[in-house]
Amino acid sequence: MESQFIRPGHLTAHQVAKQLGISLGGVRLLVHRGQLKRSGGTPRQPWYAVDDVAGLLAKRAERAAA
């Protein structure tokens, strides 16, 4: 839900999916695998820390450059 108010420094699942170029199911899979942690929100509308998402983006860029 895009209209949800969240704390600064956090992203919704939709925003994370858009940043990483994956689906919402992909975001859930990252959480299930322990590669991304929820940092607030509700069970149905979790938030994710911007720093954690930036770390995932950096790892992806690293792998793509190799």
PDB file of N, CA and C in Angstrom:
ATOM      1  N   MET A   1       0.860  -1.184   0.000  1.00  0.00           N
ATOM      2  CA  MET A   1       0.000   0.000   0.000  1.00  0.00           C
ATOM      3  C   MET A   1       0.898   1.237   0.000  1.00  0.00           C
ATOM      4  N   GLU A   2       0.876   1.992  -1.047  1.00  0.00           N
ATOM      5  CA  GLU A   2       1.764   3.130  -1.225  1.00  0.00           C
ATOM      6  C   GLU A   2       1.430   4.320  -0.331  1.00  0.00           C
ATOM      7  N   SER A   3       0.177   4.490   0.080  1.00  0.00           N
ATOM      8  CA  SER A   3      -0.213   5.668   0.853  1.00  0.00           C
ATOM      9  C   SER A   3       0.090   5.531   2.349  1.00  0.00           C
ATOM     10  N   GLN A   4       0.689   4.440   2.738  1.00  0.00           N
ATOM     11  CA  GLN A   4       1.002   4.172   4.139  1.00  0.00           C
ATOM     12  C   GLN A   4       2.081   5.144   4.636  1.00  0.00           C
ATOM     13  N   PHE A   5       1.905   5.697   5.834  1.00  0.00           N
ATOM     14  CA  PHE A   5       2.897   6.575   6.440  1.00  0.00           C
ATOM     15  C   PHE A   5       3.903   5.713   7.184  1.00  0.00           C
ATOM     16  N   ILE A   6       5.176   5.917   6.888  1.00  0.00           N
ATOM     17  CA  ILE A   6       6.219   5.143   7.545  1.00  0.00           C
ATOM     18  C   ILE A   6       7.277   6.073   8.108  1.00  0.00           C
ATOM     19  N   ARG A   7       8.108   5.536   9.012  1.00  0.00           N
ATOM     20  CA  ARG A   7       9.182   6.329   9.616  1.00  0.00           C
ATOM     21  C   ARG A   7      10.229   6.665   8.565  1.00  0.00           C
ATOM     22  N   PRO A   8      10.900   7.786   8.719  1.00  0.00           N
ATOM     23  CA  PRO A   8      12.015   8.103   7.810  1.00  0.00           C
ATOM     24  C   PRO A   8      13.094   7.027   7.889  1.00  0.00           C
ATOM     25  N   GLY A   9      13.709   6.740   6.771  1.00  0.00           N
ATOM     26  CA  GLY A   9      14.754   5.723   6.742  1.00  0.00           C
ATOM     27  C   GLY A   9      14.228   4.324   6.518  1.00  0.00           C
ATOM     28  N   HIS A  10      12.943   4.207   6.208  1.00  0.00           N
ATOM     29  CA  HIS A  10      12.333   2.909   5.971  1.00  0.00           C
ATOM     30  C   HIS A  10      11.582   2.923   4.645  1.00  0.00           C
ATOM     31  N   LEU A  11      11.392   1.727   4.077  1.00  0.00           N
ATOM     32  CA  LEU A  11      10.673   1.568   2.824  1.00  0.00           C
ATOM     33  C   LEU A  11       9.577   0.521   2.985  1.00  0.00           C
ATOM     34  N   THR A  12       8.529   0.663   2.196  1.00  0.00           N
ATOM     35  CA  THR A  12       7.483  -0.357   2.158  1.00  0.00           C
ATOM     36  C   THR A  12       7.955  -1.504   1.272  1.00  0.00           C
ATOM     37  N   ALA A  13       7.246  -2.606   1.304  1.00  0.00           N
ATOM     38  CA  ALA A  13       7.580  -3.752   0.454  1.00  0.00           C
ATOM     39  C   ALA A  13       7.491  -3.368  -1.020  1.00  0.00           C
ATOM     40  N   HIS A  14       6.516  -2.544  -1.381  1.00  0.00           N
ATOM     41  CA  HIS A  14       6.375  -2.094  -2.770  1.00  0.00           C
ATOM     42  C   HIS A  14       7.586  -1.277  -3.203  1.00  0.00           C
ATOM     43  N   GLN A  15       8.055  -0.406  -2.328  1.00  0.00           N
ATOM     44  CA  GLN A  15       9.212   0.423  -2.645  1.00  0.00           C
ATOM     45  C   GLN A  15      10.480  -0.422  -2.760  1.00  0.00           C
ATOM     46  N   VAL A  16      10.623  -1.407  -1.884  1.00  0.00           N
ATOM     47  CA  VAL A  16      11.780  -2.300  -1.945  1.00  0.00           C
ATOM     48  C   VAL A  16      11.770  -3.072  -3.261  1.00  0.00           C
ATOM     49  N   ALA A  17      10.615  -3.610  -3.622  1.00  0.00           N
ATOM     50  CA  ALA A  17      10.500  -4.362  -4.870  1.00  0.00           C
ATOM     51  C   ALA A  17      10.887  -3.490  -6.065  1.00  0.00           C
ATOM     52  N   LYS A  18      10.425  -2.259  -6.057  1.00  0.00           N
ATOM     53  CA  LYS A  18      10.736  -1.340  -7.152  1.00  0.00           C
ATOM     54  C   LYS A  18      12.235  -1.047  -7.200  1.00  0.00           C
ATOM     55  N   GLN A  19      12.852  -0.803  -6.047  1.00  0.00           N
ATOM     56  CA  GLN A  19      14.289  -0.500  -5.974  1.00  0.00           C
ATOM     57  C   GLN A  19      15.128  -1.675  -6.479  1.00  0.00           C
ATOM     58  N   LEU A  20      14.748  -2.889  -6.097  1.00  0.00           N
ATOM     59  CA  LEU A  20      15.521  -4.073  -6.459  1.00  0.00           C
ATOM     60  C   LEU A  20      15.135  -4.646  -7.818  1.00  0.00           C
ATOM     61  N   GLY A  21      14.033  -4.171  -8.375  1.00  0.00           N
ATOM     62  CA  GLY A  21      13.581  -4.679  -9.669  1.00  0.00           C
ATOM     63  C   GLY A  21      13.034  -6.085  -9.593  1.00  0.00           C
ATOM     64  N   ILE A  22      12.341  -6.386  -8.480  1.00  0.00           N
ATOM     65  CA  ILE A  22      11.768  -7.711  -8.272  1.00  0.00           C
ATOM     66  C   ILE A  22      10.291  -7.574  -7.904  1.00  0.00           C
ATOM     67  N   SER A  23       9.620  -8.701  -7.772  1.00  0.00           N
ATOM     68  CA  SER A  23       8.213  -8.697  -7.389  1.00  0.00           C
ATOM     69  C   SER A  23       8.077  -8.691  -5.865  1.00  0.00           C
ATOM     70  N   LEU A  24       6.854  -8.533  -5.390  1.00  0.00           N
ATOM     71  CA  LEU A  24       6.605  -8.619  -3.949  1.00  0.00           C
ATOM     72  C   LEU A  24       6.934 -10.015  -3.427  1.00  0.00           C
ATOM     73  N   GLY A  25       6.684 -11.026  -4.249  1.00  0.00           N
ATOM     74  CA  GLY A  25       7.058 -12.390  -3.878  1.00  0.00           C
ATOM     75  C   GLY A  25       8.562 -12.520  -3.714  1.00  0.00           C
ATOM     76  N   GLY A  26       9.317 -11.805  -4.532  1.00  0.00           N
ATOM     77  CA  GLY A  26      10.769 -11.797  -4.412  1.00  0.00           C
ATOM     78  C   GLY A  26      11.221 -11.168  -3.110  1.00  0.00           C
ATOM     79  N   VAL A  27      10.524 -10.123  -2.684  1.00  0.00           N
ATOM     80  CA  VAL A  27      10.841  -9.479  -1.399  1.00  0.00           C
ATOM     81  C   VAL A  27      10.577 -10.470  -0.268  1.00  0.00           C
ATOM     82  N   ARG A  28       9.444 -11.150  -0.322  1.00  0.00           N
ATOM     83  CA  ARG A  28       9.123 -12.146   0.708  1.00  0.00           C
ATOM     84  C   ARG A  28      10.161 -13.264   0.734  1.00  0.00           C
ATOM     85  N   LEU A  29      10.648 -13.648  -0.445  1.00  0.00           N
ATOM     86  CA  LEU A  29      11.665 -14.697  -0.530  1.00  0.00           C
ATOM     87  C   LEU A  29      12.977 -14.238   0.103  1.00  0.00           C
ATOM     88  N   LEU A  30      13.357 -12.983  -0.110  1.00  0.00           N
ATOM     89  CA  LEU A  30      14.566 -12.441   0.529  1.00  0.00           C
ATOM     90  C   LEU A  30      14.437 -12.469   2.048  1.00  0.00           C
ATOM     91  N   VAL A  31      13.252 -12.152   2.557  1.00  0.00           N
ATOM     92  CA  VAL A  31      13.013 -12.184   4.002  1.00  0.00           C
ATOM     93  C   VAL A  31      13.100 -13.627   4.499  1.00  0.00           C
ATOM     94  N   HIS A  32      12.466 -14.534   3.777  1.00  0.00           N
ATOM     95  CA  HIS A  32      12.466 -15.943   4.168  1.00  0.00           C
ATOM     96  C   HIS A  32      13.885 -16.508   4.206  1.00  0.00           C
ATOM     97  N   ARG A  33      14.727 -16.105   3.262  1.00  0.00           N
ATOM     98  CA  ARG A  33      16.105 -16.589   3.197  1.00  0.00           C
ATOM     99  C   ARG A  33      17.039 -15.875   4.179  1.00  0.00           C
ATOM    100  N   GLY A  34      16.534 -14.858   4.860  1.00  0.00           N
ATOM    101  CA  GLY A  34      17.340 -14.143   5.839  1.00  0.00           C
ATOM    102  C   GLY A  34      18.231 -13.069   5.244  1.00  0.00           C
ATOM    103  N   GLN A  35      18.018 -12.714   3.986  1.00  0.00           N
ATOM    104  CA  GLN A  35      18.834 -11.700   3.325  1.00  0.00           C
ATOM    105  C   GLN A  35      18.307 -10.288   3.559  1.00  0.00           C
ATOM    106  N   LEU A  36      17.084 -10.187   4.054  1.00  0.00           N
ATOM    107  CA  LEU A  36      16.455  -8.897   4.328  1.00  0.00           C
ATOM    108  C   LEU A  36      15.608  -9.056   5.587  1.00  0.00           C
ATOM    109  N   LYS A  37      15.720  -8.081   6.489  1.00  0.00           N
ATOM    110  CA  LYS A  37      14.966  -8.141   7.749  1.00  0.00           C
ATOM    111  C   LYS A  37      13.906  -7.057   7.782  1.00  0.00           C
ATOM    112  N   ARG A  38      12.775  -7.404   8.343  1.00  0.00           N
ATOM    113  CA  ARG A  38      11.732  -6.411   8.588  1.00  0.00           C
ATOM    114  C   ARG A  38      12.182  -5.520   9.726  1.00  0.00           C
ATOM    115  N   SER A  39      11.863  -4.232   9.629  1.00  0.00           N
ATOM    116  CA  SER A  39      12.304  -3.319  10.693  1.00  0.00           C
ATOM    117  C   SER A  39      11.157  -2.494  11.259  1.00  0.00           C
ATOM    118  N   GLY A  40       9.948  -2.944  11.058  1.00  0.00           N
ATOM    119  CA  GLY A  40       8.798  -2.235  11.604  1.00  0.00           C
ATOM    120  C   GLY A  40       7.551  -2.526  10.799  1.00  0.00           C
ATOM    121  N   GLY A  41       6.548  -1.708  11.022  1.00  0.00           N
ATOM    122  CA  GLY A  41       5.281  -1.891  10.325  1.00  0.00           C
ATOM    123  C   GLY A  41       4.421  -2.939  11.004  1.00  0.00           C
ATOM    124  N   THR A  42       3.600  -3.594  10.216  1.00  0.00           N
ATOM    125  CA  THR A  42       2.715  -4.643  10.717  1.00  0.00           C
ATOM    126  C   THR A  42       3.047  -5.938   9.988  1.00  0.00           C
ATOM    127  N   PRO A  43       2.540  -7.069  10.460  1.00  0.00           N
ATOM    128  CA  PRO A  43       2.809  -8.324   9.742  1.00  0.00           C
ATOM    129  C   PRO A  43       2.343  -8.292   8.282  1.00  0.00           C
ATOM    130  N   ARG A  44       1.248  -7.602   8.020  1.00  0.00           N
ATOM    131  CA  ARG A  44       0.741  -7.532   6.645  1.00  0.00           C
ATOM    132  C   ARG A  44       1.358  -6.401   5.828  1.00  0.00           C
ATOM    133  N   GLN A  45       1.907  -5.392   6.485  1.00  0.00           N
ATOM    134  CA  GLN A  45       2.519  -4.260   5.794  1.00  0.00           C
ATOM    135  C   GLN A  45       3.848  -3.900   6.468  1.00  0.00           C
ATOM    136  N   PRO A  46       4.859  -4.738   6.234  1.00  0.00           N
ATOM    137  CA  PRO A  46       6.147  -4.509   6.906  1.00  0.00           C
ATOM    138  C   PRO A  46       6.937  -3.361   6.293  1.00  0.00           C
ATOM    139  N   TRP A  47       7.876  -2.848   7.078  1.00  0.00           N
ATOM    140  CA  TRP A  47       8.821  -1.838   6.620  1.00  0.00           C
ATOM    141  C   TRP A  47      10.187  -2.475   6.574  1.00  0.00           C
ATOM    142  N   TYR A  48      11.045  -1.920   5.743  1.00  0.00           N
ATOM    143  CA  TYR A  48      12.413  -2.400   5.616  1.00  0.00           C
ATOM    144  C   TYR A  48      13.351  -1.203   5.690  1.00  0.00           C
ATOM    145  N   ALA A  49      14.498  -1.361   6.356  1.00  0.00           N
ATOM    146  CA  ALA A  49      15.452  -0.270   6.521  1.00  0.00           C
ATOM    147  C   ALA A  49      16.125   0.050   5.188  1.00  0.00           C
ATOM    148  N   VAL A  50      16.261   1.333   4.899  1.00  0.00           N
ATOM    149  CA  VAL A  50      16.897   1.794   3.670  1.00  0.00           C
ATOM    150  C   VAL A  50      18.328   1.255   3.574  1.00  0.00           C
ATOM    151  N   ASP A  51      19.045   1.225   4.697  1.00  0.00           N
ATOM    152  CA  ASP A  51      20.429   0.735   4.708  1.00  0.00           C
ATOM    153  C   ASP A  51      20.514  -0.734   4.290  1.00  0.00           C
ATOM    154  N   ASP A  52      19.551  -1.547   4.718  1.00  0.00           N
ATOM    155  CA  ASP A  52      19.548  -2.963   4.344  1.00  0.00           C
ATOM    156  C   ASP A  52      19.319  -3.131   2.846  1.00  0.00           C
ATOM    157  N   VAL A  53      18.411  -2.345   2.297  1.00  0.00           N
ATOM    158  CA  VAL A  53      18.119  -2.410   0.859  1.00  0.00           C
ATOM    159  C   VAL A  53      19.331  -1.911   0.066  1.00  0.00           C
ATOM    160  N   ALA A  54      19.974  -0.856   0.546  1.00  0.00           N
ATOM    161  CA  ALA A  54      21.172  -0.341  -0.123  1.00  0.00           C
ATOM    162  C   ALA A  54      22.276  -1.394  -0.116  1.00  0.00           C
ATOM    163  N   GLY A  55      22.394  -2.148   0.972  1.00  0.00           N
ATOM    164  CA  GLY A  55      23.370  -3.229   1.047  1.00  0.00           C
ATOM    165  C   GLY A  55      23.107  -4.311   0.016  1.00  0.00           C
ATOM    166  N   LEU A  56      21.831  -4.663  -0.156  1.00  0.00           N
ATOM    167  CA  LEU A  56      21.477  -5.657  -1.171  1.00  0.00           C
ATOM    168  C   LEU A  56      21.798  -5.148  -2.574  1.00  0.00           C
ATOM    169  N   LEU A  57      21.510  -3.881  -2.822  1.00  0.00           N
ATOM    170  CA  LEU A  57      21.820  -3.291  -4.127  1.00  0.00           C
ATOM    171  C   LEU A  57      23.323  -3.301  -4.385  1.00  0.00           C
ATOM    172  N   ALA A  58      24.113  -3.013  -3.359  1.00  0.00           N
ATOM    173  CA  ALA A  58      25.567  -3.013  -3.504  1.00  0.00           C
ATOM    174  C   ALA A  58      26.083  -4.427  -3.806  1.00  0.00           C
ATOM    175  N   LYS A  59      25.542  -5.427  -3.128  1.00  0.00           N
ATOM    176  CA  LYS A  59      25.943  -6.814  -3.384  1.00  0.00           C
ATOM    177  C   LYS A  59      25.605  -7.226  -4.807  1.00  0.00           C
ATOM    178  N   ARG A  60      24.442  -6.813  -5.286  1.00  0.00           N
ATOM    179  CA  ARG A  60      24.041  -7.137  -6.657  1.00  0.00           C
ATOM    180  C   ARG A  60      24.953  -6.473  -7.678  1.00  0.00           C
ATOM    181  N   ALA A  61      25.319  -5.224  -7.414  1.00  0.00           N
ATOM    182  CA  ALA A  61      26.214  -4.496  -8.320  1.00  0.00           C
ATOM    183  C   ALA A  61      27.601  -5.142  -8.328  1.00  0.00           C
ATOM    184  N   GLU A  62      28.036  -5.593  -7.154  1.00  0.00           N
ATOM    185  CA  GLU A  62      29.325  -6.276  -7.030  1.00  0.00           C
ATOM    186  C   GLU A  62      29.367  -7.542  -7.857  1.00  0.00           C
ATOM    187  N   ARG A  63      28.288  -8.335  -7.747  1.00  0.00           N
ATOM    188  CA  ARG A  63      28.195  -9.583  -8.514  1.00  0.00           C
ATOM    189  C   ARG A  63      28.121  -9.316 -10.010  1.00  0.00           C
ATOM    190  N   ALA A  64      27.418  -8.266 -10.401  1.00  0.00           N
ATOM    191  CA  ALA A  64      27.276  -7.946 -11.821  1.00  0.00           C
ATOM    192  C   ALA A  64      28.609  -7.477 -12.411  1.00  0.00           C
ATOM    193  N   ALA A  65      29.428  -6.832 -11.604  1.00  0.00           N
ATOM    194  CA  ALA A  65      30.719  -6.323 -12.077  1.00  0.00           C
ATOM    195  C   ALA A  65      31.761  -7.430 -12.191  1.00  0.00           C
ATOM    196  N   ALA A  66      31.561  -8.519 -11.464  1.00  0.00           N
ATOM    197  CA  ALA A  66      32.541  -9.615 -11.455  1.00  0.00           C
ATOM    198  C   ALA A  66      32.470 -10.460 -12.713  1.00  0.00           C
TER     199      ALA A  66
END
